[in-house]
Amino acid sequence: MKGEIAMSTVNSESDNIAMDIISGSMYSLDFLRNISAAIFDHRIKDMTVRDFHAEWLKKIQYSGHSVPYCLGSIFGYLYCGILLSKARWCKLLPEDSVNTAPSEWGFVGTKYNSPKKPNPTIQYVVRRIRNALGHGNISINVPHDLNHRKDDFEFEKRTIIKFYDEDFRDSSDIFEIEISIEGLSMLVKKFQAIAYQEATKNIENV
C-alpha cells in the first residue's frame, strides 16, 4: 500500500509538471503570435512592452502574472534541441568524460548517478537525457528566493532540472542527472552546432 501511495504521489507531481509546461508553452506561443501581429499593425503606436503585456493579460483573461519566458517556452526549446534531434546525431557527440568536459558544454556543477557507467561520456549523457525527456521523467526545482534585480540570469543558473532514465530491459541500469537550465542551454547549443554541420553537409551533397 505504501508503495502504491508513493507511486501515486510521483505520478501526480509528474502530471502537474507536465501540465504547467504545456500551459506555459501555450501562453508563450499566444503572446508571440499577438506581439508579432502588433509589430505589423500600423494602428498601434507608442505602446510600451509593459503596456502591451498588460493588455495581452486582459485579452486572455489571465488573473495571475504570466511571463512569456517561462518553463513552457524553455522546455519547448529543450525538446526541440534534444529530443527532436535525430538519434544518429547523438553519435556525433564526443566520447569525452563529462567530468573533464570543457565548461562550454554546461556540465560544470552537475550531479549525476550512473551505476552502470560511473564515468559517463558526453554522448552517453545526452542519450540518457534524451530518453528521460521522451518519457517525461523530469522534475524541476525552482528556488523561491530568486532575486532578478541582483542577477538577470539567476533563474537559469539556479533552477535545476533532474532527469531520470531507466532501461526497461534492465531495471538496475538507471541514470539520473541534475543540471541547471543554464547548463542545459549551453549543452543544446553545442549539440546543435555539431548537428547543424552534419545536416547542412548532407544537403550540400544532395
N, C-alpha and C. Protein backbone atom coordinates (compact mmCIF):
# COMPACT_ATOMS: atom_id res chain seq x y z
N MET A 1 0.82 -1.20 0.00
CA MET A 1 0.00 0.00 0.00
C MET A 1 0.86 1.27 0.00
N LYS A 2 1.93 1.25 0.82
CA LYS A 2 2.81 2.41 0.86
C LYS A 2 3.43 2.67 -0.49
N GLY A 3 3.82 1.58 -1.16
CA GLY A 3 4.41 1.72 -2.49
C GLY A 3 3.44 2.33 -3.47
N GLU A 4 2.15 1.94 -3.37
CA GLU A 4 1.13 2.47 -4.27
C GLU A 4 0.92 3.96 -4.01
N ILE A 5 0.94 4.36 -2.73
CA ILE A 5 0.76 5.77 -2.39
C ILE A 5 1.92 6.59 -2.92
N ALA A 6 3.13 6.05 -2.72
CA ALA A 6 4.33 6.76 -3.19
C ALA A 6 4.30 6.93 -4.69
N MET A 7 3.93 5.86 -5.39
CA MET A 7 3.88 5.93 -6.85
C MET A 7 2.82 6.92 -7.30
N SER A 8 1.68 6.92 -6.61
CA SER A 8 0.61 7.85 -6.95
C SER A 8 1.06 9.29 -6.78
N THR A 9 1.83 9.54 -5.72
CA THR A 9 2.34 10.89 -5.46
C THR A 9 3.29 11.32 -6.56
N VAL A 10 4.19 10.40 -6.95
CA VAL A 10 5.14 10.69 -8.01
C VAL A 10 4.42 11.00 -9.31
N ASN A 11 3.42 10.18 -9.64
CA ASN A 11 2.67 10.40 -10.88
C ASN A 11 1.94 11.73 -10.85
N SER A 12 1.39 12.08 -9.68
CA SER A 12 0.67 13.35 -9.54
C SER A 12 1.61 14.53 -9.75
N GLU A 13 2.80 14.46 -9.17
CA GLU A 13 3.78 15.53 -9.33
C GLU A 13 4.21 15.64 -10.79
N SER A 14 4.42 14.48 -11.41
CA SER A 14 4.84 14.46 -12.82
C SER A 14 3.76 15.06 -13.71
N ASP A 15 2.50 14.72 -13.41
CA ASP A 15 1.38 15.26 -14.20
C ASP A 15 1.29 16.77 -14.04
N ASN A 16 1.48 17.26 -12.81
CA ASN A 16 1.41 18.70 -12.56
C ASN A 16 2.51 19.45 -13.31
N ILE A 17 3.73 18.86 -13.30
CA ILE A 17 4.85 19.48 -14.01
C ILE A 17 4.55 19.54 -15.50
N ALA A 18 4.06 18.41 -16.04
CA ALA A 18 3.76 18.35 -17.47
C ALA A 18 2.69 19.38 -17.84
N MET A 19 1.65 19.50 -17.00
CA MET A 19 0.57 20.45 -17.31
C MET A 19 1.06 21.89 -17.23
N ASP A 20 1.92 22.18 -16.26
CA ASP A 20 2.48 23.53 -16.15
C ASP A 20 3.31 23.88 -17.38
N ILE A 21 4.09 22.92 -17.86
CA ILE A 21 4.93 23.14 -19.03
C ILE A 21 4.07 23.35 -20.27
N ILE A 22 3.05 22.51 -20.43
CA ILE A 22 2.17 22.61 -21.60
C ILE A 22 1.41 23.95 -21.59
N SER A 23 0.88 24.31 -20.42
CA SER A 23 0.14 25.58 -20.31
C SER A 23 1.06 26.76 -20.58
N GLY A 24 2.27 26.71 -20.03
CA GLY A 24 3.23 27.78 -20.26
C GLY A 24 3.58 27.92 -21.73
N SER A 25 3.73 26.78 -22.40
CA SER A 25 4.03 26.79 -23.84
C SER A 25 2.91 27.47 -24.63
N MET A 26 1.68 27.14 -24.27
CA MET A 26 0.53 27.71 -24.97
C MET A 26 0.47 29.23 -24.78
N TYR A 27 0.67 29.70 -23.54
CA TYR A 27 0.63 31.13 -23.27
C TYR A 27 1.77 31.87 -23.98
N SER A 28 2.96 31.26 -23.96
CA SER A 28 4.11 31.90 -24.61
C SER A 28 3.89 32.02 -26.11
N LEU A 29 3.36 30.96 -26.71
CA LEU A 29 3.10 30.99 -28.15
C LEU A 29 2.03 32.01 -28.49
N ASP A 30 1.01 32.10 -27.65
CA ASP A 30 -0.05 33.08 -27.89
C ASP A 30 0.50 34.50 -27.79
N PHE A 31 1.39 34.73 -26.81
CA PHE A 31 2.00 36.05 -26.66
C PHE A 31 2.82 36.40 -27.90
N LEU A 32 3.62 35.45 -28.38
CA LEU A 32 4.44 35.70 -29.57
C LEU A 32 3.58 35.98 -30.80
N ARG A 33 2.47 35.26 -30.91
CA ARG A 33 1.57 35.47 -32.05
C ARG A 33 0.98 36.87 -32.00
N ASN A 34 0.55 37.28 -30.83
CA ASN A 34 -0.09 38.60 -30.69
C ASN A 34 0.91 39.74 -30.84
N ILE A 35 2.09 39.59 -30.28
CA ILE A 35 3.07 40.68 -30.41
C ILE A 35 3.61 40.75 -31.84
N SER A 36 3.64 39.61 -32.54
CA SER A 36 4.05 39.62 -33.95
C SER A 36 3.03 40.38 -34.79
N ALA A 37 1.74 40.16 -34.49
CA ALA A 37 0.69 40.88 -35.20
C ALA A 37 0.77 42.37 -34.90
N ALA A 38 1.09 42.72 -33.63
CA ALA A 38 1.16 44.11 -33.23
C ALA A 38 2.30 44.85 -33.92
N ILE A 39 3.41 44.14 -34.14
CA ILE A 39 4.57 44.76 -34.78
C ILE A 39 4.21 45.31 -36.16
N PHE A 40 3.34 44.60 -36.87
CA PHE A 40 2.99 45.00 -38.24
C PHE A 40 1.63 45.72 -38.32
N ASP A 41 1.06 46.03 -37.16
CA ASP A 41 -0.21 46.74 -37.13
C ASP A 41 0.08 48.24 -37.02
N HIS A 42 -0.16 48.97 -38.09
CA HIS A 42 0.15 50.40 -38.12
C HIS A 42 -0.77 51.22 -37.21
N ARG A 43 -1.84 50.61 -36.73
CA ARG A 43 -2.75 51.32 -35.84
C ARG A 43 -2.18 51.41 -34.42
N ILE A 44 -1.21 50.55 -34.13
CA ILE A 44 -0.61 50.53 -32.79
C ILE A 44 0.67 51.35 -32.81
N LYS A 45 0.67 52.42 -32.05
CA LYS A 45 1.84 53.30 -31.99
C LYS A 45 2.14 53.68 -30.54
N ASP A 46 3.41 53.84 -30.27
CA ASP A 46 3.86 54.35 -28.97
C ASP A 46 3.36 53.52 -27.78
N MET A 47 3.25 52.22 -27.94
CA MET A 47 2.86 51.36 -26.82
C MET A 47 4.11 50.68 -26.26
N THR A 48 4.32 50.80 -24.98
CA THR A 48 5.49 50.16 -24.36
C THR A 48 5.27 48.65 -24.28
N VAL A 49 6.34 47.93 -24.11
CA VAL A 49 6.26 46.47 -23.97
C VAL A 49 5.45 46.12 -22.72
N ARG A 50 5.67 46.89 -21.65
CA ARG A 50 4.94 46.65 -20.42
C ARG A 50 3.42 46.84 -20.62
N ASP A 51 3.06 47.89 -21.36
CA ASP A 51 1.64 48.14 -21.63
C ASP A 51 1.05 47.03 -22.49
N PHE A 52 1.83 46.59 -23.49
CA PHE A 52 1.33 45.53 -24.36
C PHE A 52 1.11 44.25 -23.54
N HIS A 53 2.03 43.95 -22.66
CA HIS A 53 1.90 42.75 -21.84
C HIS A 53 0.65 42.82 -20.97
N ALA A 54 0.39 43.98 -20.40
CA ALA A 54 -0.80 44.17 -19.56
C ALA A 54 -2.08 43.98 -20.38
N GLU A 55 -2.09 44.52 -21.60
CA GLU A 55 -3.25 44.37 -22.47
C GLU A 55 -3.44 42.92 -22.89
N TRP A 56 -2.33 42.23 -23.12
CA TRP A 56 -2.40 40.82 -23.51
C TRP A 56 -2.98 39.97 -22.38
N LEU A 57 -2.58 40.26 -21.12
CA LEU A 57 -3.12 39.52 -19.98
C LEU A 57 -4.63 39.72 -19.88
N LYS A 58 -5.09 40.95 -20.16
CA LYS A 58 -6.53 41.20 -20.14
C LYS A 58 -7.22 40.41 -21.24
N LYS A 59 -6.60 40.36 -22.40
CA LYS A 59 -7.18 39.68 -23.56
C LYS A 59 -7.39 38.19 -23.30
N ILE A 60 -6.40 37.57 -22.66
CA ILE A 60 -6.50 36.13 -22.42
C ILE A 60 -7.20 35.84 -21.09
N GLN A 61 -7.60 36.92 -20.38
CA GLN A 61 -8.32 36.81 -19.11
C GLN A 61 -7.52 36.00 -18.10
N TYR A 62 -6.24 36.31 -18.03
CA TYR A 62 -5.36 35.63 -17.09
C TYR A 62 -5.25 36.46 -15.83
N SER A 63 -5.60 35.87 -14.69
CA SER A 63 -5.64 36.62 -13.44
C SER A 63 -4.29 36.67 -12.73
N GLY A 64 -3.36 35.79 -13.11
CA GLY A 64 -2.06 35.76 -12.46
C GLY A 64 -1.06 36.67 -13.16
N HIS A 65 0.21 36.32 -13.03
CA HIS A 65 1.27 37.10 -13.66
C HIS A 65 2.02 36.18 -14.62
N SER A 66 1.50 36.05 -15.82
CA SER A 66 2.10 35.14 -16.80
C SER A 66 3.28 35.82 -17.50
N VAL A 67 4.43 35.20 -17.41
CA VAL A 67 5.62 35.71 -18.07
C VAL A 67 5.88 34.84 -19.31
N PRO A 68 5.96 35.44 -20.50
CA PRO A 68 6.16 34.66 -21.72
C PRO A 68 7.40 33.77 -21.67
N TYR A 69 8.48 34.28 -21.06
CA TYR A 69 9.68 33.46 -20.91
C TYR A 69 9.51 32.64 -19.64
N CYS A 70 9.08 31.39 -19.81
CA CYS A 70 8.75 30.55 -18.67
C CYS A 70 9.23 29.12 -18.93
N LEU A 71 8.91 28.21 -18.02
CA LEU A 71 9.34 26.82 -18.19
C LEU A 71 8.74 26.20 -19.45
N GLY A 72 7.56 26.67 -19.84
CA GLY A 72 6.94 26.14 -21.05
C GLY A 72 7.77 26.44 -22.29
N SER A 73 8.18 27.69 -22.45
CA SER A 73 8.98 28.05 -23.62
C SER A 73 10.38 27.44 -23.52
N ILE A 74 10.93 27.36 -22.31
CA ILE A 74 12.26 26.78 -22.13
C ILE A 74 12.26 25.30 -22.49
N PHE A 75 11.26 24.57 -22.02
CA PHE A 75 11.21 23.15 -22.32
C PHE A 75 10.88 22.88 -23.78
N GLY A 76 10.14 23.80 -24.41
CA GLY A 76 9.93 23.66 -25.85
C GLY A 76 11.26 23.69 -26.57
N TYR A 77 12.13 24.58 -26.12
CA TYR A 77 13.48 24.70 -26.68
C TYR A 77 14.29 23.42 -26.43
N LEU A 78 14.19 22.88 -25.21
CA LEU A 78 14.93 21.66 -24.87
C LEU A 78 14.43 20.46 -25.65
N TYR A 79 13.11 20.35 -25.78
CA TYR A 79 12.55 19.23 -26.52
C TYR A 79 12.98 19.28 -27.99
N CYS A 80 12.94 20.46 -28.57
CA CYS A 80 13.38 20.61 -29.96
C CYS A 80 14.88 20.36 -30.09
N GLY A 81 15.63 20.92 -29.15
CA GLY A 81 17.08 20.84 -29.24
C GLY A 81 17.66 19.47 -28.94
N ILE A 82 16.97 18.68 -28.12
CA ILE A 82 17.49 17.37 -27.73
C ILE A 82 16.65 16.22 -28.27
N LEU A 83 15.35 16.26 -28.01
CA LEU A 83 14.51 15.12 -28.39
C LEU A 83 14.23 15.08 -29.88
N LEU A 84 14.01 16.23 -30.49
CA LEU A 84 13.69 16.26 -31.92
C LEU A 84 14.93 15.97 -32.78
N SER A 85 16.09 16.14 -32.19
CA SER A 85 17.33 15.85 -32.92
C SER A 85 17.38 14.36 -33.28
N LYS A 86 17.91 14.07 -34.44
CA LYS A 86 18.00 12.70 -34.91
C LYS A 86 18.91 11.87 -34.00
N ALA A 87 18.53 10.60 -33.81
CA ALA A 87 19.33 9.72 -32.96
C ALA A 87 20.75 9.58 -33.50
N ARG A 88 20.89 9.61 -34.82
CA ARG A 88 22.23 9.45 -35.39
C ARG A 88 23.12 10.65 -35.10
N TRP A 89 22.50 11.81 -34.84
CA TRP A 89 23.30 12.98 -34.50
C TRP A 89 23.96 12.81 -33.14
N CYS A 90 23.31 12.06 -32.24
CA CYS A 90 23.90 11.82 -30.92
C CYS A 90 25.25 11.12 -31.04
N LYS A 91 25.38 10.29 -32.07
CA LYS A 91 26.63 9.54 -32.25
C LYS A 91 27.77 10.44 -32.70
N LEU A 92 27.45 11.68 -33.07
CA LEU A 92 28.49 12.63 -33.46
C LEU A 92 29.11 13.31 -32.23
N LEU A 93 28.45 13.17 -31.10
CA LEU A 93 28.93 13.83 -29.89
C LEU A 93 30.20 13.18 -29.37
N PRO A 94 31.02 13.93 -28.66
CA PRO A 94 32.30 13.40 -28.16
C PRO A 94 32.12 12.28 -27.16
N GLU A 95 33.09 11.39 -27.12
CA GLU A 95 33.12 10.32 -26.13
C GLU A 95 33.97 10.75 -24.94
N ASP A 96 34.13 12.06 -24.79
CA ASP A 96 34.90 12.59 -23.66
C ASP A 96 34.07 12.51 -22.38
N SER A 97 34.74 12.33 -21.26
CA SER A 97 34.07 12.27 -19.97
C SER A 97 33.46 13.62 -19.62
N VAL A 98 32.25 13.59 -19.03
CA VAL A 98 31.61 14.84 -18.62
C VAL A 98 32.41 15.49 -17.48
N ASN A 99 33.16 14.68 -16.76
CA ASN A 99 33.94 15.21 -15.63
C ASN A 99 35.08 16.11 -16.08
N THR A 100 35.55 15.89 -17.30
CA THR A 100 36.66 16.69 -17.81
C THR A 100 36.24 17.53 -19.02
N ALA A 101 34.94 17.55 -19.31
CA ALA A 101 34.45 18.30 -20.48
C ALA A 101 34.67 19.79 -20.28
N PRO A 102 35.03 20.53 -21.35
CA PRO A 102 35.19 21.99 -21.25
C PRO A 102 33.91 22.64 -20.72
N SER A 103 34.04 23.77 -20.04
CA SER A 103 32.90 24.42 -19.38
C SER A 103 31.79 24.80 -20.35
N GLU A 104 32.14 25.02 -21.64
CA GLU A 104 31.10 25.42 -22.59
C GLU A 104 30.07 24.33 -22.89
N TRP A 105 30.34 23.10 -22.41
CA TRP A 105 29.35 22.02 -22.58
C TRP A 105 28.26 22.10 -21.51
N GLY A 106 28.47 22.89 -20.47
CA GLY A 106 27.41 23.11 -19.48
C GLY A 106 27.36 22.12 -18.33
N PHE A 107 28.37 21.27 -18.18
CA PHE A 107 28.32 20.24 -17.14
C PHE A 107 28.96 20.67 -15.81
N VAL A 108 29.47 21.87 -15.74
CA VAL A 108 30.10 22.34 -14.50
C VAL A 108 29.06 22.39 -13.38
N GLY A 109 29.34 21.72 -12.27
CA GLY A 109 28.44 21.75 -11.13
C GLY A 109 27.30 20.75 -11.19
N THR A 110 27.22 19.92 -12.24
CA THR A 110 26.14 18.94 -12.34
C THR A 110 26.39 17.78 -11.38
N LYS A 111 25.30 17.14 -10.96
CA LYS A 111 25.37 15.94 -10.14
C LYS A 111 24.70 14.81 -10.90
N TYR A 112 25.31 13.63 -10.86
CA TYR A 112 24.69 12.51 -11.57
C TYR A 112 24.89 11.20 -10.81
N ASN A 113 24.03 10.25 -11.12
CA ASN A 113 24.09 8.90 -10.57
C ASN A 113 24.02 7.94 -11.75
N SER A 114 25.12 7.24 -12.01
CA SER A 114 25.21 6.39 -13.18
C SER A 114 25.93 5.08 -12.81
N PRO A 115 25.23 4.18 -12.11
CA PRO A 115 25.87 2.95 -11.60
C PRO A 115 26.53 2.09 -12.68
N LYS A 116 25.88 1.97 -13.82
CA LYS A 116 26.41 1.12 -14.89
C LYS A 116 27.58 1.76 -15.63
N LYS A 117 27.63 3.08 -15.58
CA LYS A 117 28.71 3.80 -16.25
C LYS A 117 29.14 4.96 -15.35
N PRO A 118 29.98 4.67 -14.35
CA PRO A 118 30.36 5.68 -13.36
C PRO A 118 31.06 6.91 -13.93
N ASN A 119 31.69 6.77 -15.08
CA ASN A 119 32.37 7.91 -15.71
C ASN A 119 31.77 8.14 -17.09
N PRO A 120 30.52 8.64 -17.13
CA PRO A 120 29.80 8.75 -18.41
C PRO A 120 30.41 9.78 -19.36
N THR A 121 30.22 9.54 -20.64
CA THR A 121 30.70 10.46 -21.66
C THR A 121 29.61 11.46 -22.03
N ILE A 122 29.99 12.48 -22.75
CA ILE A 122 29.02 13.48 -23.22
C ILE A 122 27.95 12.80 -24.07
N GLN A 123 28.37 11.94 -24.97
CA GLN A 123 27.43 11.24 -25.83
C GLN A 123 26.46 10.39 -25.02
N TYR A 124 26.97 9.68 -24.05
CA TYR A 124 26.14 8.81 -23.20
C TYR A 124 25.12 9.63 -22.42
N VAL A 125 25.57 10.73 -21.82
CA VAL A 125 24.69 11.58 -21.01
C VAL A 125 23.56 12.18 -21.85
N VAL A 126 23.88 12.67 -23.04
CA VAL A 126 22.85 13.25 -23.90
C VAL A 126 21.83 12.19 -24.30
N ARG A 127 22.30 10.98 -24.56
CA ARG A 127 21.38 9.89 -24.94
C ARG A 127 20.43 9.57 -23.79
N ARG A 128 20.94 9.53 -22.57
CA ARG A 128 20.09 9.22 -21.42
C ARG A 128 19.14 10.38 -21.10
N ILE A 129 19.60 11.63 -21.26
CA ILE A 129 18.73 12.79 -21.09
C ILE A 129 17.62 12.74 -22.13
N ARG A 130 17.97 12.37 -23.34
CA ARG A 130 17.00 12.27 -24.44
C ARG A 130 15.92 11.24 -24.10
N ASN A 131 16.34 10.11 -23.53
CA ASN A 131 15.38 9.08 -23.13
C ASN A 131 14.45 9.60 -22.04
N ALA A 132 15.02 10.29 -21.06
CA ALA A 132 14.22 10.82 -19.95
C ALA A 132 13.19 11.83 -20.46
N LEU A 133 13.62 12.71 -21.36
CA LEU A 133 12.69 13.69 -21.94
C LEU A 133 11.56 12.98 -22.69
N GLY A 134 11.93 11.96 -23.45
CA GLY A 134 10.95 11.23 -24.25
C GLY A 134 9.86 10.58 -23.40
N HIS A 135 10.23 10.16 -22.18
CA HIS A 135 9.29 9.50 -21.29
C HIS A 135 8.72 10.46 -20.24
N GLY A 136 9.13 11.71 -20.30
CA GLY A 136 8.60 12.70 -19.36
C GLY A 136 9.10 12.50 -17.94
N ASN A 137 10.24 11.83 -17.78
CA ASN A 137 10.78 11.57 -16.45
C ASN A 137 11.69 12.72 -16.01
N ILE A 138 11.06 13.80 -15.62
CA ILE A 138 11.80 15.00 -15.22
C ILE A 138 11.17 15.59 -13.97
N SER A 139 11.97 16.29 -13.20
CA SER A 139 11.45 17.08 -12.08
C SER A 139 12.19 18.41 -12.09
N ILE A 140 11.55 19.44 -11.56
CA ILE A 140 12.09 20.79 -11.64
C ILE A 140 12.14 21.41 -10.25
N ASN A 141 13.25 22.01 -9.92
CA ASN A 141 13.39 22.71 -8.64
C ASN A 141 13.67 24.18 -8.91
N VAL A 142 12.64 25.01 -8.71
CA VAL A 142 12.78 26.45 -8.89
C VAL A 142 12.90 27.09 -7.51
N PRO A 143 14.02 27.73 -7.18
CA PRO A 143 14.20 28.36 -5.86
C PRO A 143 13.15 29.44 -5.63
N HIS A 144 12.75 29.60 -4.39
CA HIS A 144 11.72 30.60 -4.05
C HIS A 144 12.33 31.95 -3.71
N ASP A 145 13.66 32.00 -3.59
CA ASP A 145 14.30 33.25 -3.19
C ASP A 145 15.07 33.91 -4.33
N LEU A 146 14.58 33.75 -5.55
CA LEU A 146 15.26 34.34 -6.70
C LEU A 146 15.21 35.87 -6.61
N ASN A 147 16.31 36.50 -6.97
CA ASN A 147 16.38 37.96 -6.94
C ASN A 147 16.94 38.44 -8.28
N HIS A 148 16.03 38.71 -9.22
CA HIS A 148 16.45 39.11 -10.57
C HIS A 148 17.10 40.49 -10.60
N ARG A 149 16.87 41.27 -9.56
CA ARG A 149 17.48 42.61 -9.53
C ARG A 149 18.99 42.52 -9.38
N LYS A 150 19.46 41.47 -8.71
CA LYS A 150 20.90 41.30 -8.50
C LYS A 150 21.55 40.58 -9.68
N ASP A 151 20.79 39.69 -10.32
CA ASP A 151 21.35 38.92 -11.44
C ASP A 151 20.21 38.57 -12.40
N ASP A 152 20.26 39.11 -13.60
CA ASP A 152 19.20 38.87 -14.59
C ASP A 152 19.09 37.39 -14.98
N PHE A 153 20.17 36.65 -14.79
CA PHE A 153 20.20 35.25 -15.22
C PHE A 153 20.17 34.28 -14.04
N GLU A 154 19.73 34.76 -12.88
CA GLU A 154 19.69 33.89 -11.70
C GLU A 154 18.72 32.73 -11.89
N PHE A 155 17.60 32.98 -12.58
CA PHE A 155 16.62 31.92 -12.82
C PHE A 155 17.26 30.75 -13.56
N GLU A 156 18.02 31.04 -14.62
CA GLU A 156 18.66 29.98 -15.40
C GLU A 156 19.76 29.28 -14.60
N LYS A 157 20.47 30.04 -13.78
CA LYS A 157 21.59 29.47 -13.03
C LYS A 157 21.15 28.58 -11.88
N ARG A 158 20.04 28.94 -11.24
CA ARG A 158 19.66 28.24 -10.01
C ARG A 158 18.49 27.29 -10.15
N THR A 159 17.76 27.36 -11.27
CA THR A 159 16.68 26.41 -11.49
C THR A 159 17.29 25.10 -11.99
N ILE A 160 17.04 24.02 -11.26
CA ILE A 160 17.68 22.74 -11.55
C ILE A 160 16.65 21.75 -12.12
N ILE A 161 17.04 21.11 -13.21
CA ILE A 161 16.21 20.07 -13.84
C ILE A 161 16.84 18.72 -13.54
N LYS A 162 16.04 17.80 -13.06
CA LYS A 162 16.52 16.44 -12.80
C LYS A 162 15.91 15.49 -13.82
N PHE A 163 16.76 14.74 -14.49
CA PHE A 163 16.33 13.76 -15.48
C PHE A 163 16.56 12.35 -14.93
N TYR A 164 15.59 11.47 -15.16
CA TYR A 164 15.71 10.09 -14.70
C TYR A 164 15.41 9.15 -15.86
N ASP A 165 16.31 8.21 -16.08
CA ASP A 165 16.11 7.24 -17.16
C ASP A 165 16.41 5.84 -16.63
N GLU A 166 15.54 4.90 -16.96
CA GLU A 166 15.72 3.51 -16.56
C GLU A 166 15.57 2.61 -17.78
N ASP A 167 16.53 1.73 -17.97
CA ASP A 167 16.50 0.79 -19.09
C ASP A 167 15.41 -0.25 -18.81
N PHE A 168 14.39 -0.31 -19.66
CA PHE A 168 13.27 -1.22 -19.42
C PHE A 168 13.70 -2.68 -19.49
N ARG A 169 14.86 -2.94 -20.11
CA ARG A 169 15.36 -4.32 -20.18
C ARG A 169 16.22 -4.69 -18.97
N ASP A 170 16.63 -3.69 -18.21
CA ASP A 170 17.47 -3.92 -17.04
C ASP A 170 17.18 -2.83 -16.01
N SER A 171 16.34 -3.15 -15.02
CA SER A 171 15.91 -2.15 -14.04
C SER A 171 17.05 -1.62 -13.18
N SER A 172 18.18 -2.33 -13.17
CA SER A 172 19.33 -1.85 -12.39
C SER A 172 20.13 -0.79 -13.15
N ASP A 173 19.83 -0.66 -14.45
CA ASP A 173 20.54 0.32 -15.28
C ASP A 173 19.77 1.64 -15.26
N ILE A 174 20.05 2.42 -14.24
CA ILE A 174 19.39 3.72 -14.13
C ILE A 174 20.40 4.84 -14.36
N PHE A 175 19.87 5.98 -14.69
CA PHE A 175 20.72 7.16 -14.88
C PHE A 175 19.94 8.37 -14.40
N GLU A 176 20.59 9.16 -13.55
CA GLU A 176 19.99 10.40 -13.05
C GLU A 176 21.01 11.52 -13.17
N ILE A 177 20.53 12.69 -13.53
CA ILE A 177 21.42 13.85 -13.58
C ILE A 177 20.65 15.10 -13.20
N GLU A 178 21.30 15.97 -12.44
CA GLU A 178 20.74 17.26 -12.08
C GLU A 178 21.59 18.34 -12.72
N ILE A 179 20.96 19.17 -13.53
CA ILE A 179 21.68 20.20 -14.28
C ILE A 179 20.83 21.46 -14.36
N SER A 180 21.47 22.59 -14.32
CA SER A 180 20.74 23.86 -14.35
C SER A 180 20.22 24.15 -15.76
N ILE A 181 19.25 25.05 -15.83
CA ILE A 181 18.74 25.48 -17.13
C ILE A 181 19.87 26.13 -17.94
N GLU A 182 20.72 26.88 -17.27
CA GLU A 182 21.86 27.50 -17.95
C GLU A 182 22.75 26.42 -18.57
N GLY A 183 23.05 25.37 -17.80
CA GLY A 183 23.89 24.29 -18.31
C GLY A 183 23.23 23.57 -19.48
N LEU A 184 21.92 23.35 -19.38
CA LEU A 184 21.21 22.67 -20.47
C LEU A 184 21.22 23.51 -21.75
N SER A 185 21.05 24.81 -21.60
CA SER A 185 21.07 25.69 -22.77
C SER A 185 22.43 25.64 -23.46
N MET A 186 23.48 25.61 -22.67
CA MET A 186 24.83 25.52 -23.23
C MET A 186 25.02 24.18 -23.94
N LEU A 187 24.49 23.11 -23.32
CA LEU A 187 24.61 21.78 -23.92
C LEU A 187 23.88 21.70 -25.26
N VAL A 188 22.67 22.26 -25.30
CA VAL A 188 21.88 22.24 -26.54
C VAL A 188 22.60 23.02 -27.65
N LYS A 189 23.17 24.15 -27.31
CA LYS A 189 23.88 24.96 -28.31
C LYS A 189 25.07 24.19 -28.89
N LYS A 190 25.82 23.52 -28.04
CA LYS A 190 26.97 22.74 -28.51
C LYS A 190 26.50 21.57 -29.38
N PHE A 191 25.45 20.90 -28.92
CA PHE A 191 24.91 19.76 -29.66
C PHE A 191 24.42 20.20 -31.03
N GLN A 192 23.68 21.30 -31.07
CA GLN A 192 23.11 21.73 -32.34
C GLN A 192 24.15 22.28 -33.30
N ALA A 193 25.24 22.81 -32.77
CA ALA A 193 26.32 23.26 -33.65
C ALA A 193 26.91 22.08 -34.40
N ILE A 194 27.05 20.96 -33.70
CA ILE A 194 27.58 19.74 -34.33
C ILE A 194 26.56 19.15 -35.29
N ALA A 195 25.29 19.09 -34.86
CA ALA A 195 24.24 18.53 -35.71
C ALA A 195 24.02 19.37 -36.96
N TYR A 196 24.13 20.70 -36.82
CA TYR A 196 23.91 21.60 -37.95
C TYR A 196 24.95 21.35 -39.04
N GLN A 197 26.19 21.17 -38.63
CA GLN A 197 27.24 20.90 -39.60
C GLN A 197 26.95 19.62 -40.37
N GLU A 198 26.48 18.60 -39.67
CA GLU A 198 26.16 17.32 -40.31
C GLU A 198 24.96 17.46 -41.25
N ALA A 199 23.92 18.16 -40.78
CA ALA A 199 22.70 18.31 -41.57
C ALA A 199 22.96 19.10 -42.84
N THR A 200 23.69 20.21 -42.74
CA THR A 200 23.96 21.03 -43.91
C THR A 200 24.93 20.34 -44.87
N LYS A 201 25.81 19.50 -44.33
CA LYS A 201 26.72 18.74 -45.19
C LYS A 201 25.94 17.78 -46.05
N ASN A 202 24.91 17.14 -45.46
CA ASN A 202 24.09 16.21 -46.21
C ASN A 202 23.29 16.92 -47.30
N ILE A 203 22.83 18.14 -47.01
CA ILE A 203 22.08 18.91 -48.00
C ILE A 203 22.98 19.27 -49.18
N GLU A 204 24.21 19.68 -48.86
CA GLU A 204 25.15 20.08 -49.92
C GLU A 204 25.51 18.91 -50.84
N ASN A 205 25.43 17.70 -50.27
CA ASN A 205 25.82 16.52 -51.04
C ASN A 205 24.67 15.95 -51.87
N VAL A 206 23.45 16.52 -51.67
CA VAL A 206 22.30 16.04 -52.44
C VAL A 206 22.36 16.52 -53.87
